[in-house]
Amino acid sequence: MNIDKESYEKISEMITSDASPVGIDAKKTHIYIIHKLHQIEKRLEALEKGNEAKPG
C-alpha cells in the first residue's frame, strides 16, 4: 500500500483505541471506510454522468 506518512499517521491516530484489545476502534474504522466508499461512489457517478453527456 502506498500512502504518505502524514496520511498514515492521521488515520492511525483517528482509529486507535487503547480500550480495544486489537488497538483500534472497530466502529470508527468501519465508519471511515464506509464514508470513503461513499465519496468514491459519488465521484464515480459524477464521472459516469460526464461521460454520458459526451457524444459518441
C-alpha atoms as a PDB file:
ATOM      1  CA  MET A   1       0.000   0.000   0.000  1.00  0.00           C
ATOM      2  CA  ASN A   2       1.408   3.378  -0.991  1.00  0.00           C
ATOM      3  CA  ILE A   3       0.322   6.010   1.495  1.00  0.00           C
ATOM      4  CA  ASP A   4       2.286   9.019   2.612  1.00  0.00           C
ATOM      5  CA  LYS A   5       3.485   9.050   6.211  1.00  0.00           C
ATOM      6  CA  GLU A   6       1.367  12.069   7.191  1.00  0.00           C
ATOM      7  CA  SER A   7      -1.876  10.473   5.961  1.00  0.00           C
ATOM      8  CA  TYR A   8      -0.938   7.168   7.576  1.00  0.00           C
ATOM      9  CA  GLU A   9      -0.327   8.840  10.941  1.00  0.00           C
ATOM     10  CA  LYS A  10      -3.564  10.854  10.694  1.00  0.00           C
ATOM     11  CA  ILE A  11      -5.654   7.753  10.019  1.00  0.00           C
ATOM     12  CA  SER A  12      -3.802   5.765  12.667  1.00  0.00           C
ATOM     13  CA  GLU A  13      -4.460   8.426  15.318  1.00  0.00           C
ATOM     14  CA  MET A  14      -8.117   8.600  14.292  1.00  0.00           C
ATOM     15  CA  ILE A  15      -8.839   4.865  14.650  1.00  0.00           C
ATOM     16  CA  THR A  16      -6.505   3.971  17.546  1.00  0.00           C
ATOM     17  CA  SER A  17      -8.151   2.846  20.757  1.00  0.00           C
ATOM     18  CA  ASP A  18      -6.321   1.941  23.942  1.00  0.00           C
ATOM     19  CA  ALA A  19      -9.538   0.341  25.195  1.00  0.00           C
ATOM     20  CA  SER A  20      -9.569  -2.196  22.363  1.00  0.00           C
ATOM     21  CA  PRO A  21      -7.651  -5.470  22.631  1.00  0.00           C
ATOM     22  CA  VAL A  22      -6.548  -5.076  18.985  1.00  0.00           C
ATOM     23  CA  GLY A  23      -5.602  -1.415  19.319  1.00  0.00           C
ATOM     24  CA  ILE A  24      -8.222   0.096  17.006  1.00  0.00           C
ATOM     25  CA  ASP A  25     -11.810   1.217  17.382  1.00  0.00           C
ATOM     26  CA  ALA A  26     -13.731  -1.062  15.020  1.00  0.00           C
ATOM     27  CA  LYS A  27     -16.756   1.243  14.803  1.00  0.00           C
ATOM     28  CA  LYS A  28     -14.645   4.301  13.871  1.00  0.00           C
ATOM     29  CA  THR A  29     -12.706   2.202  11.379  1.00  0.00           C
ATOM     30  CA  HIS A  30     -15.841   0.922   9.663  1.00  0.00           C
ATOM     31  CA  ILE A  31     -17.457   4.360   9.605  1.00  0.00           C
ATOM     32  CA  TYR A  32     -14.308   5.780   7.998  1.00  0.00           C
ATOM     33  CA  ILE A  33     -14.223   3.023   5.366  1.00  0.00           C
ATOM     34  CA  ILE A  34     -17.930   3.407   4.551  1.00  0.00           C
ATOM     35  CA  HIS A  35     -17.558   7.191   4.338  1.00  0.00           C
ATOM     36  CA  LYS A  36     -14.633   6.854   1.907  1.00  0.00           C
ATOM     37  CA  LEU A  37     -16.559   4.327  -0.202  1.00  0.00           C
ATOM     38  CA  HIS A  38     -19.495   6.733  -0.336  1.00  0.00           C
ATOM     39  CA  GLN A  39     -17.168   9.518  -1.532  1.00  0.00           C
ATOM     40  CA  ILE A  40     -15.779   7.218  -4.233  1.00  0.00           C
ATOM     41  CA  GLU A  41     -19.298   6.255  -5.302  1.00  0.00           C
ATOM     42  CA  LYS A  42     -20.298   9.928  -5.680  1.00  0.00           C
ATOM     43  CA  ARG A  43     -17.169  10.693  -7.712  1.00  0.00           C
ATOM     44  CA  LEU A  44     -17.799   7.688  -9.954  1.00  0.00           C
ATOM     45  CA  GLU A  45     -21.411   8.729 -10.533  1.00  0.00           C
ATOM     46  CA  ALA A  46     -20.243  12.236 -11.498  1.00  0.00           C
ATOM     47  CA  LEU A  47     -17.701  10.789 -13.936  1.00  0.00           C
ATOM     48  CA  GLU A  48     -20.303   8.476 -15.449  1.00  0.00           C
ATOM     49  CA  LYS A  49     -22.744  11.359 -15.903  1.00  0.00           C
ATOM     50  CA  GLY A  50     -19.992  13.378 -17.546  1.00  0.00           C
ATOM     51  CA  ASN A  51     -19.283  10.552 -19.988  1.00  0.00           C
ATOM     52  CA  GLU A  52     -22.974  10.185 -20.839  1.00  0.00           C
ATOM     53  CA  ALA A  53     -23.134  13.850 -21.837  1.00  0.00           C
ATOM     54  CA  LYS A  54     -20.271  13.482 -24.330  1.00  0.00           C
ATOM     55  CA  PRO A  55     -21.247  12.463 -27.864  1.00  0.00           C
ATOM     56  CA  GLY A  56     -20.028   9.238 -29.360  1.00  0.00           C
END
